[in-house]
C-alpha atoms as a PDB file:
ATOM      1  CA  MET A   1     106.899  92.916 165.002  1.00  0.00           C
ATOM      2  CA  PHE A   2     110.371  92.754 166.454  1.00  0.00           C
ATOM      3  CA  ASP A   3     110.894  92.947 170.202  1.00  0.00           C
ATOM      4  CA  ALA A   4     113.789  94.843 171.806  1.00  0.00           C
ATOM      5  CA  HIS A   5     116.144  91.851 171.759  1.00  0.00           C
ATOM      6  CA  SER A   6     115.383  91.159 168.097  1.00  0.00           C
ATOM      7  CA  LYS A   7     116.146  94.781 167.232  1.00  0.00           C
ATOM      8  CA  LEU A   8     119.484  94.476 169.002  1.00  0.00           C
ATOM      9  CA  GLY A   9     120.065  91.272 167.032  1.00  0.00           C
ATOM     10  CA  ILE A  10     119.512  93.209 163.805  1.00  0.00           C
ATOM     11  CA  ALA A  11     121.889  95.952 164.954  1.00  0.00           C
ATOM     12  CA  GLN A  12     124.446  93.290 165.863  1.00  0.00           C
ATOM     13  CA  VAL A  13     124.324  91.752 162.388  1.00  0.00           C
ATOM     14  CA  ILE A  14     124.623  95.176 160.744  1.00  0.00           C
ATOM     15  CA  PHE A  15     127.608  96.081 162.939  1.00  0.00           C
ATOM     16  CA  TYR A  16     129.590  92.876 162.458  1.00  0.00           C
ATOM     17  CA  ILE A  17     129.264  92.533 158.680  1.00  0.00           C
ATOM     18  CA  PRO A  18     131.682  95.436 158.018  1.00  0.00           C
ATOM     19  CA  VAL A  19     133.808  94.294 160.978  1.00  0.00           C
ATOM     20  CA  THR A  20     134.221  90.918 159.262  1.00  0.00           C
ATOM     21  CA  ILE A  21     135.252  92.602 156.015  1.00  0.00           C
ATOM     22  CA  LEU A  22     137.797  94.824 157.777  1.00  0.00           C
ATOM     23  CA  ALA A  23     139.204  91.877 159.747  1.00  0.00           C
ATOM     24  CA  ILE A  24     139.597  89.879 156.517  1.00  0.00           C
ATOM     25  CA  TYR A  25     141.446  92.824 154.990  1.00  0.00           C
ATOM     26  CA  LEU A  26     143.781  93.008 157.994  1.00  0.00           C
ATOM     27  CA  ALA A  27     144.425  89.264 157.992  1.00  0.00           C
ATOM     28  CA  PHE A  28     145.063  88.663 154.305  1.00  0.00           C
ATOM     29  CA  TYR A  29     146.063  91.984 152.760  1.00  0.00           C
ATOM     30  CA  ARG A  30     147.541  94.380 155.290  1.00  0.00           C
ATOM     31  CA  HIS A  31     149.491  92.030 157.568  1.00  0.00           C
ATOM     32  CA  ASN A  32     151.740  89.018 157.162  1.00  0.00           C
ATOM     33  CA  ARG A  33     152.024  86.165 159.625  1.00  0.00           C
ATOM     34  CA  PRO A  34     151.216  85.800 162.438  1.00  0.00           C
ATOM     35  CA  ARG A  35     147.600  86.499 161.552  1.00  0.00           C
ATOM     36  CA  ILE A  36     146.057  84.828 164.591  1.00  0.00           C
ATOM     37  CA  ALA A  37     144.638  88.036 166.118  1.00  0.00           C
ATOM     38  CA  TRP A  38     142.798  88.977 162.930  1.00  0.00           C
ATOM     39  CA  LEU A  39     141.678  85.411 162.208  1.00  0.00           C
ATOM     40  CA  ILE A  40     140.165  85.185 165.686  1.00  0.00           C
ATOM     41  CA  LEU A  41     138.456  88.527 165.086  1.00  0.00           C
ATOM     42  CA  ILE A  42     136.968  87.139 161.854  1.00  0.00           C
ATOM     43  CA  PHE A  43     135.767  84.054 163.722  1.00  0.00           C
ATOM     44  CA  PHE A  44     134.281  86.199 166.494  1.00  0.00           C
ATOM     45  CA  SER A  45     132.455  88.410 163.988  1.00  0.00           C
ATOM     46  CA  ILE A  46     130.939  85.395 162.233  1.00  0.00           C
ATOM     47  CA  ILE A  47     129.776  84.035 165.594  1.00  0.00           C
ATOM     48  CA  ARG A  48     128.175  87.370 166.423  1.00  0.00           C
ATOM     49  CA  ILE A  49     126.436  87.562 163.033  1.00  0.00           C
ATOM     50  CA  THR A  50     125.124  84.028 163.490  1.00  0.00           C
ATOM     51  CA  GLY A  51     124.079  84.776 167.074  1.00  0.00           C
ATOM     52  CA  GLY A  52     122.241  87.907 165.969  1.00  0.00           C
ATOM     53  CA  ILE A  53     120.343  85.953 163.322  1.00  0.00           C
ATOM     54  CA  LEU A  54     119.408  83.287 165.881  1.00  0.00           C
ATOM     55  CA  VAL A  55     118.128  85.944 168.297  1.00  0.00           C
ATOM     56  CA  ILE A  56     115.976  87.415 165.516  1.00  0.00           C
ATOM     57  CA  LEU A  57     114.615  83.984 164.598  1.00  0.00           C
ATOM     58  CA  TRP A  58     113.906  83.107 168.221  1.00  0.00           C
ATOM     59  CA  GLY A  59     111.950  86.335 168.593  1.00  0.00           C
ATOM     60  CA  GLN A  60     109.739  85.272 165.692  1.00  0.00           C
ATOM     61  CA  ILE A  61     109.702  81.507 166.332  1.00  0.00           C
ATOM     62  CA  PRO A  62     110.116  80.914 170.098  1.00  0.00           C
ATOM     63  CA  LYS A  63     111.301  77.306 169.982  1.00  0.00           C
ATOM     64  CA  THR A  64     113.530  75.706 172.597  1.00  0.00           C
ATOM     65  CA  GLY A  65     116.142  74.701 170.046  1.00  0.00           C
ATOM     66  CA  LEU A  66     116.527  78.259 168.788  1.00  0.00           C
ATOM     67  CA  MET A  67     116.717  79.577 172.343  1.00  0.00           C
ATOM     68  CA  VAL A  68     119.484  77.114 173.277  1.00  0.00           C
ATOM     69  CA  ALA A  69     121.425  77.840 170.084  1.00  0.00           C
ATOM     70  CA  ALA A  70     121.115  81.605 170.550  1.00  0.00           C
ATOM     71  CA  SER A  71     122.246  81.332 174.187  1.00  0.00           C
ATOM     72  CA  ILE A  72     125.269  79.223 173.235  1.00  0.00           C
ATOM     73  CA  PHE A  73     126.341  81.702 170.567  1.00  0.00           C
ATOM     74  CA  LEU A  74     125.806  84.699 172.849  1.00  0.00           C
ATOM     75  CA  ASN A  75     127.749  83.199 175.750  1.00  0.00           C
ATOM     76  CA  THR A  76     130.532  81.199 174.101  1.00  0.00           C
ATOM     77  CA  GLY A  77     131.067  84.017 171.626  1.00  0.00           C
ATOM     78  CA  VAL A  78     132.846  85.886 174.399  1.00  0.00           C
ATOM     79  CA  PHE A  79     135.698  83.363 174.263  1.00  0.00           C
ATOM     80  CA  PRO A  80     137.060  84.425 170.851  1.00  0.00           C
ATOM     81  CA  LEU A  81     136.919  88.061 171.933  1.00  0.00           C
ATOM     82  CA  ILE A  82     139.147  87.277 174.903  1.00  0.00           C
ATOM     83  CA  ALA A  83     141.329  85.058 172.734  1.00  0.00           C
ATOM     84  CA  ALA A  84     141.854  87.959 170.327  1.00  0.00           C
ATOM     85  CA  THR A  85     143.750  89.638 173.166  1.00  0.00           C
ATOM     86  CA  LEU A  86     145.968  86.570 173.267  1.00  0.00           C
ATOM     87  CA  GLY A  87     146.406  87.021 169.523  1.00  0.00           C
ATOM     88  CA  LEU A  88     147.620  90.587 170.049  1.00  0.00           C
ATOM     89  CA  ILE A  89     150.169  89.361 172.573  1.00  0.00           C
ATOM     90  CA  ARG A  90     151.246  86.795 169.984  1.00  0.00           C
ATOM     91  CA  LEU A  91     151.980  89.706 167.637  1.00  0.00           C
ATOM     92  CA  ILE A  92     154.296  91.165 170.266  1.00  0.00           C
ATOM     93  CA  MET A  93     155.997  87.798 170.657  1.00  0.00           C
ATOM     94  CA  ALA A  94     156.576  87.672 166.900  1.00  0.00           C
ATOM     95  CA  ARG A  95     158.207  91.113 166.915  1.00  0.00           C
ATOM     96  CA  GLU A  96     160.339  90.627 170.022  1.00  0.00           C
ATOM     97  CA  ASP A  97     162.606  87.917 171.431  1.00  0.00           C
ATOM     98  CA  MET A  98     160.708  87.052 174.589  1.00  0.00           C
ATOM     99  CA  ASN A  99     161.866  84.925 177.488  1.00  0.00           C
ATOM    100  CA  SER A 100     160.651  81.387 178.149  1.00  0.00           C
ATOM    101  CA  ARG A 101     158.563  82.404 181.164  1.00  0.00           C
ATOM    102  CA  ILE A 102     156.199  84.458 179.020  1.00  0.00           C
ATOM    103  CA  ASN A 103     156.025  81.620 176.500  1.00  0.00           C
ATOM    104  CA  ARG A 104     154.984  79.230 179.263  1.00  0.00           C
ATOM    105  CA  HIS A 105     152.215  81.618 180.312  1.00  0.00           C
ATOM    106  CA  LEU A 106     151.001  81.725 176.714  1.00  0.00           C
ATOM    107  CA  VAL A 107     150.900  77.933 176.479  1.00  0.00           C
ATOM    108  CA  LEU A 108     148.973  77.721 179.763  1.00  0.00           C
ATOM    109  CA  SER A 109     146.543  80.389 178.548  1.00  0.00           C
ATOM    110  CA  ARG A 110     145.833  78.478 175.345  1.00  0.00           C
ATOM    111  CA  MET A 111     145.221  75.254 177.277  1.00  0.00           C
ATOM    112  CA  LEU A 112     142.782  76.974 179.642  1.00  0.00           C
ATOM    113  CA  PHE A 113     141.024  78.600 176.708  1.00  0.00           C
ATOM    114  CA  PHE A 114     140.330  75.358 174.842  1.00  0.00           C
ATOM    115  CA  ILE A 115     139.308  73.453 177.973  1.00  0.00           C
ATOM    116  CA  ALA A 116     136.925  76.229 179.018  1.00  0.00           C
ATOM    117  CA  LEU A 117     135.482  76.458 175.510  1.00  0.00           C
ATOM    118  CA  GLY A 118     134.905  72.696 175.352  1.00  0.00           C
ATOM    119  CA  LEU A 119     133.200  72.608 178.756  1.00  0.00           C
ATOM    120  CA  THR A 120     130.960  75.536 177.866  1.00  0.00           C
ATOM    121  CA  ILE A 121     129.834  74.137 174.522  1.00  0.00           C
ATOM    122  CA  ALA A 122     129.213  70.668 175.979  1.00  0.00           C
ATOM    123  CA  GLY A 123     127.298  72.164 178.888  1.00  0.00           C
ATOM    124  CA  GLY A 124     125.237  74.375 176.601  1.00  0.00           C
ATOM    125  CA  VAL A 125     124.207  71.382 174.510  1.00  0.00           C
ATOM    126  CA  LEU A 126     123.213  69.385 177.598  1.00  0.00           C
ATOM    127  CA  GLU A 127     121.181  72.314 178.919  1.00  0.00           C
ATOM    128  CA  GLY A 128     118.893  71.910 175.921  1.00  0.00           C
ATOM    129  CA  SER A 129     118.163  68.273 176.801  1.00  0.00           C
ATOM    130  CA  ASP A 130     114.729  67.054 177.879  1.00  0.00           C
ATOM    131  CA  THR A 131     116.284  65.038 180.717  1.00  0.00           C
ATOM    132  CA  LEU A 132     116.600  66.831 184.043  1.00  0.00           C
ATOM    133  CA  SER A 133     119.842  65.067 184.978  1.00  0.00           C
ATOM    134  CA  ASP A 134     121.431  66.117 181.672  1.00  0.00           C
ATOM    135  CA  VAL A 135     120.334  69.702 182.236  1.00  0.00           C
ATOM    136  CA  GLU A 136     121.878  69.711 185.718  1.00  0.00           C
ATOM    137  CA  ILE A 137     125.150  68.311 184.371  1.00  0.00           C
ATOM    138  CA  GLY A 138     125.074  70.897 181.598  1.00  0.00           C
ATOM    139  CA  VAL A 139     124.668  73.749 184.076  1.00  0.00           C
ATOM    140  CA  LYS A 140     127.636  72.476 186.100  1.00  0.00           C
ATOM    141  CA  LEU A 141     129.810  72.159 182.990  1.00  0.00           C
ATOM    142  CA  VAL A 142     128.937  75.676 181.857  1.00  0.00           C
ATOM    143  CA  LYS A 143     129.765  77.111 185.276  1.00  0.00           C
ATOM    144  CA  ALA A 144     133.048  75.180 185.349  1.00  0.00           C
ATOM    145  CA  GLY A 145     133.928  76.467 181.890  1.00  0.00           C
ATOM    146  CA  TYR A 146     133.286  80.074 182.820  1.00  0.00           C
ATOM    147  CA  SER A 147     135.242  79.650 186.033  1.00  0.00           C
ATOM    148  CA  LEU A 148     138.243  78.678 183.922  1.00  0.00           C
ATOM    149  CA  VAL A 149     137.767  81.917 182.015  1.00  0.00           C
ATOM    150  CA  VAL A 150     138.842  83.752 185.166  1.00  0.00           C
ATOM    151  CA  LEU A 151     142.110  81.800 185.236  1.00  0.00           C
ATOM    152  CA  PHE A 152     142.561  82.424 181.525  1.00  0.00           C
ATOM    153  CA  VAL A 153     142.161  86.173 181.975  1.00  0.00           C
ATOM    154  CA  ALA A 154     144.478  86.076 185.002  1.00  0.00           C
ATOM    155  CA  CYS A 155     147.195  84.529 182.814  1.00  0.00           C
ATOM    156  CA  LEU A 156     146.673  87.241 180.203  1.00  0.00           C
ATOM    157  CA  LEU A 157     146.965  89.936 182.856  1.00  0.00           C
ATOM    158  CA  ALA A 158     150.166  88.356 184.180  1.00  0.00           C
ATOM    159  CA  ILE A 159     151.624  88.418 180.666  1.00  0.00           C
ATOM    160  CA  GLU A 160     150.602  92.047 180.183  1.00  0.00           C
ATOM    161  CA  VAL A 161     152.182  93.058 183.495  1.00  0.00           C
ATOM    162  CA  SER A 162     155.380  91.270 182.515  1.00  0.00           C
ATOM    163  CA  LEU A 163     155.415  93.089 179.177  1.00  0.00           C
ATOM    164  CA  TRP A 164     154.845  96.456 180.846  1.00  0.00           C
ATOM    165  CA  THR A 165     157.968  95.899 182.951  1.00  0.00           C
ATOM    166  CA  ARG A 166     159.859  95.700 179.635  1.00  0.00           C
ATOM    167  CA  TYR A 167     157.940  98.496 177.944  1.00  0.00           C
ATOM    168  CA  SER A 168     160.948 100.722 177.203  1.00  0.00           C
ATOM    169  CA  TRP A 169     162.680  97.850 175.416  1.00  0.00           C
ATOM    170  CA  LEU A 170     159.751  97.084 173.113  1.00  0.00           C
ATOM    171  CA  SER A 171     159.562  98.365 169.554  1.00  0.00           C
ATOM    172  CA  ASN A 172     157.031 101.107 168.791  1.00  0.00           C
ATOM    173  CA  PRO A 173     154.492  98.733 167.165  1.00  0.00           C
ATOM    174  CA  SER A 174     154.727  96.379 170.142  1.00  0.00           C
ATOM    175  CA  GLN A 175     154.173  99.289 172.520  1.00  0.00           C
ATOM    176  CA  THR A 176     151.039 100.236 170.567  1.00  0.00           C
ATOM    177  CA  ILE A 177     149.760  96.661 170.713  1.00  0.00           C
ATOM    178  CA  LEU A 178     150.406  96.460 174.455  1.00  0.00           C
ATOM    179  CA  LYS A 179     148.544  99.727 175.038  1.00  0.00           C
ATOM    180  CA  THR A 180     145.566  98.404 173.073  1.00  0.00           C
ATOM    181  CA  SER A 181     145.538  95.146 174.997  1.00  0.00           C
ATOM    182  CA  THR A 182     145.603  97.054 178.282  1.00  0.00           C
ATOM    183  CA  LEU A 183     142.910  99.538 177.210  1.00  0.00           C
ATOM    184  CA  ALA A 184     140.651  96.651 176.205  1.00  0.00           C
ATOM    185  CA  THR A 185     140.946  94.969 179.612  1.00  0.00           C
ATOM    186  CA  PRO A 186     138.300  97.084 181.458  1.00  0.00           C
ATOM    187  CA  PHE A 187     135.758  96.514 178.668  1.00  0.00           C
ATOM    188  CA  ILE A 188     136.451  92.778 178.638  1.00  0.00           C
ATOM    189  CA  THR A 189     136.150  92.694 182.440  1.00  0.00           C
ATOM    190  CA  VAL A 190     132.693  94.293 182.354  1.00  0.00           C
ATOM    191  CA  ARG A 191     131.634  91.872 179.609  1.00  0.00           C
ATOM    192  CA  ILE A 192     132.821  88.898 181.651  1.00  0.00           C
ATOM    193  CA  CYS A 193     130.969  90.212 184.717  1.00  0.00           C
ATOM    194  CA  TYR A 194     127.741  90.319 182.716  1.00  0.00           C
ATOM    195  CA  LEU A 195     128.487  86.835 181.404  1.00  0.00           C
ATOM    196  CA  PHE A 196     128.880  85.478 184.936  1.00  0.00           C
ATOM    197  CA  LEU A 197     125.710  87.191 186.128  1.00  0.00           C
ATOM    198  CA  SER A 198     123.714  85.742 183.236  1.00  0.00           C
ATOM    199  CA  VAL A 199     125.107  82.243 183.842  1.00  0.00           C
ATOM    200  CA  PHE A 200     124.938  82.093 187.631  1.00  0.00           C
ATOM    201  CA  TYR A 201     121.653  84.023 187.957  1.00  0.00           C
ATOM    202  CA  PRO A 202     119.707  82.947 184.850  1.00  0.00           C
ATOM    203  CA  LEU A 203     116.292  83.512 186.466  1.00  0.00           C
ATOM    204  CA  ASP A 204     117.047  87.092 187.467  1.00  0.00           C
ATOM    205  CA  PRO A 205     115.300  89.323 184.882  1.00  0.00           C
ATOM    206  CA  ARG A 206     118.194  91.767 184.975  1.00  0.00           C
ATOM    207  CA  TRP A 207     120.748  89.326 183.576  1.00  0.00           C
ATOM    208  CA  ALA A 208     118.939  86.895 181.254  1.00  0.00           C
ATOM    209  CA  ASN A 209     120.371  87.249 177.743  1.00  0.00           C
ATOM    210  CA  LEU A 210     117.206  86.607 175.758  1.00  0.00           C
ATOM    211  CA  THR A 211     114.407  87.456 178.160  1.00  0.00           C
ATOM    212  CA  GLY A 212     115.961  89.894 180.625  1.00  0.00           C
ATOM    213  CA  ARG A 213     116.147  93.646 180.721  1.00  0.00           C
ATOM    214  CA  ILE A 214     117.531  95.218 177.610  1.00  0.00           C
ATOM    215  CA  VAL A 215     119.691  97.952 179.188  1.00  0.00           C
ATOM    216  CA  PRO A 216     122.204  95.669 181.010  1.00  0.00           C
ATOM    217  CA  PHE A 217     122.406  93.410 177.952  1.00  0.00           C
ATOM    218  CA  LEU A 218     123.102  96.398 175.713  1.00  0.00           C
ATOM    219  CA  PHE A 219     125.590  98.341 177.823  1.00  0.00           C
ATOM    220  CA  MET A 220     127.324  95.546 179.762  1.00  0.00           C
ATOM    221  CA  GLY A 221     127.279  93.100 176.867  1.00  0.00           C
ATOM    222  CA  LEU A 222     127.112  94.436 173.342  1.00  0.00           C
ATOM    223  CA  VAL A 223     128.617  97.903 173.810  1.00  0.00           C
ATOM    224  CA  MET A 224     131.606  96.462 175.674  1.00  0.00           C
ATOM    225  CA  GLU A 225     132.249  94.113 172.764  1.00  0.00           C
ATOM    226  CA  TYR A 226     131.912  96.938 170.246  1.00  0.00           C
ATOM    227  CA  CYS A 227     134.540  98.956 172.127  1.00  0.00           C
ATOM    228  CA  VAL A 228     137.011  96.067 172.207  1.00  0.00           C
ATOM    229  CA  VAL A 229     136.494  95.271 168.531  1.00  0.00           C
ATOM    230  CA  GLY A 230     136.961  98.938 167.631  1.00  0.00           C
ATOM    231  CA  LEU A 231     140.243  99.084 169.549  1.00  0.00           C
ATOM    232  CA  PHE A 232     141.552  95.915 167.895  1.00  0.00           C
ATOM    233  CA  LEU A 233     140.631  97.055 164.382  1.00  0.00           C
ATOM    234  CA  ALA A 234     142.173 100.493 164.926  1.00  0.00           C
ATOM    235  CA  THR A 235     145.391  98.860 166.116  1.00  0.00           C
ATOM    236  CA  GLY A 236     145.462  96.671 163.032  1.00  0.00           C
ATOM    237  CA  PHE A 237     145.468  99.750 160.832  1.00  0.00           C
ATOM    238  CA  ILE A 238     147.934 101.703 162.993  1.00  0.00           C
ATOM    239  CA  ILE A 239     150.760  99.180 163.370  1.00  0.00           C
ATOM    240  CA  PRO A 240     152.972  98.630 160.312  1.00  0.00           C
ATOM    241  CA  ARG A 241     153.162  95.478 158.269  1.00  0.00           C
ATOM    242  CA  MET A 242     155.702  93.015 159.631  1.00  0.00           C
ATOM    243  CA  ARG A 243     158.460  92.226 157.142  1.00  0.00           C
ATOM    244  CA  ASN A 244     158.618  88.436 157.382  1.00  0.00           C
ATOM    245  CA  GLY A 245     160.475  88.298 160.676  1.00  0.00           C
ATOM    246  CA  ASN A 246     162.950  91.085 159.877  1.00  0.00           C
ATOM    247  CA  ASP A 247     161.216  93.442 162.289  1.00  0.00           C
ATOM    248  CA  LYS A 248     162.259  91.408 165.284  1.00  0.00           C
ATOM    249  CA  ARG A 249     163.999  93.706 167.678  1.00  0.00           C
ATOM    250  CA  GLY A 250     164.374  91.547 170.750  1.00  0.00           C
ATOM    251  CA  LEU A 251     164.181  92.213 174.424  1.00  0.00           C
ATOM    252  CA  LEU A 252     167.897  92.682 174.839  1.00  0.00           C
ATOM    253  CA  VAL A 253     169.764  94.649 177.451  1.00  0.00           C
ATOM    254  CA  PRO A 254     169.322  98.321 176.520  1.00  0.00           C
ATOM    255  CA  ASP A 255     172.312 100.299 175.312  1.00  0.00           C
ATOM    256  CA  THR A 256     174.353 101.788 178.099  1.00  0.00           C
ATOM    257  CA  PRO A 257     176.764 104.709 177.541  1.00  0.00           C
ATOM    258  CA  ASP A 258     179.689 102.233 177.573  1.00  0.00           C
ATOM    259  CA  ARG A 259     178.037 100.036 174.970  1.00  0.00           C
ATOM    260  CA  GLN A 260     177.178 103.020 172.822  1.00  0.00           C
ATOM    261  CA  GLY A 261     180.813 104.167 173.024  1.00  0.00           C
ATOM    262  CA  ARG A 262     182.092 100.735 172.013  1.00  0.00           C
ATOM    263  CA  ASN A 263     179.613 100.600 169.144  1.00  0.00           C
ATOM    264  CA  SER A 264     180.785 104.027 167.931  1.00  0.00           C
ATOM    265  CA  SER A 265     184.435 102.884 168.096  1.00  0.00           C
ATOM    266  CA  CYS A 266     183.638  99.760 166.104  1.00  0.00           C
ATOM    267  CA  GLU A 267     181.821 101.802 163.494  1.00  0.00           C
ATOM    268  CA  ALA A 268     184.806 104.190 163.241  1.00  0.00           C
ATOM    269  CA  GLU A 269     187.205 101.261 162.732  1.00  0.00           C
ATOM    270  CA  LEU A 270     184.969  99.819 160.028  1.00  0.00           C
ATOM    271  CA  ARG A 271     185.044 103.134 158.206  1.00  0.00           C
END
């Protein structure tokens, strides 16, 4: 018999198989480069399928190794979901001529992402050790990694705010992408809150991923991810295909009446 967590694992696998197929279609058939947002979504879906399978197996064979592996996939799998937001911003950067300040924020965000991911994976592995000192170090590394997630998200929010100040100058596809990124933020925030609660209060039955109450795990964890993934996929089908860099509009100074008049005069002379 399958317990409640195993049933959610089955539902997770069923949900992310078509998501993977749709993300592959977006990455390799519908859109040109940059494909980073869709590639990250593919990676995230594979992680979630693998995590769901591990949860199912752990429910049937409760071994420590399976529990550690399932926990790592459930927790670190949040990173690609957040990084997909960075991928969407990268799509805006490809369509517009952005200033160097935003580029610096993107570089900093990527650095924080990889450092946090490395700390979390290393800590998760050490948490499965039989040595108490290794377990303690692992817990500290995991907490440090997730603390960096806050800085990572803060950088993303700063970039989004900066883009919103230039909203009227963005092309229509870029405006759609920015709206999606902003709409996804509340769902990602709730998911991160659940992540922190499960990491910093692992013995509390309300927040334990594999042994805790099913309702918080479902609504604060899985459903939030489903909403974000749905938004990202919908955006991928809404925005047009980029024509190999020819769509770049640029964040230039908007046309003023004087500029429009000069442009009209130039066009008249050319005729």
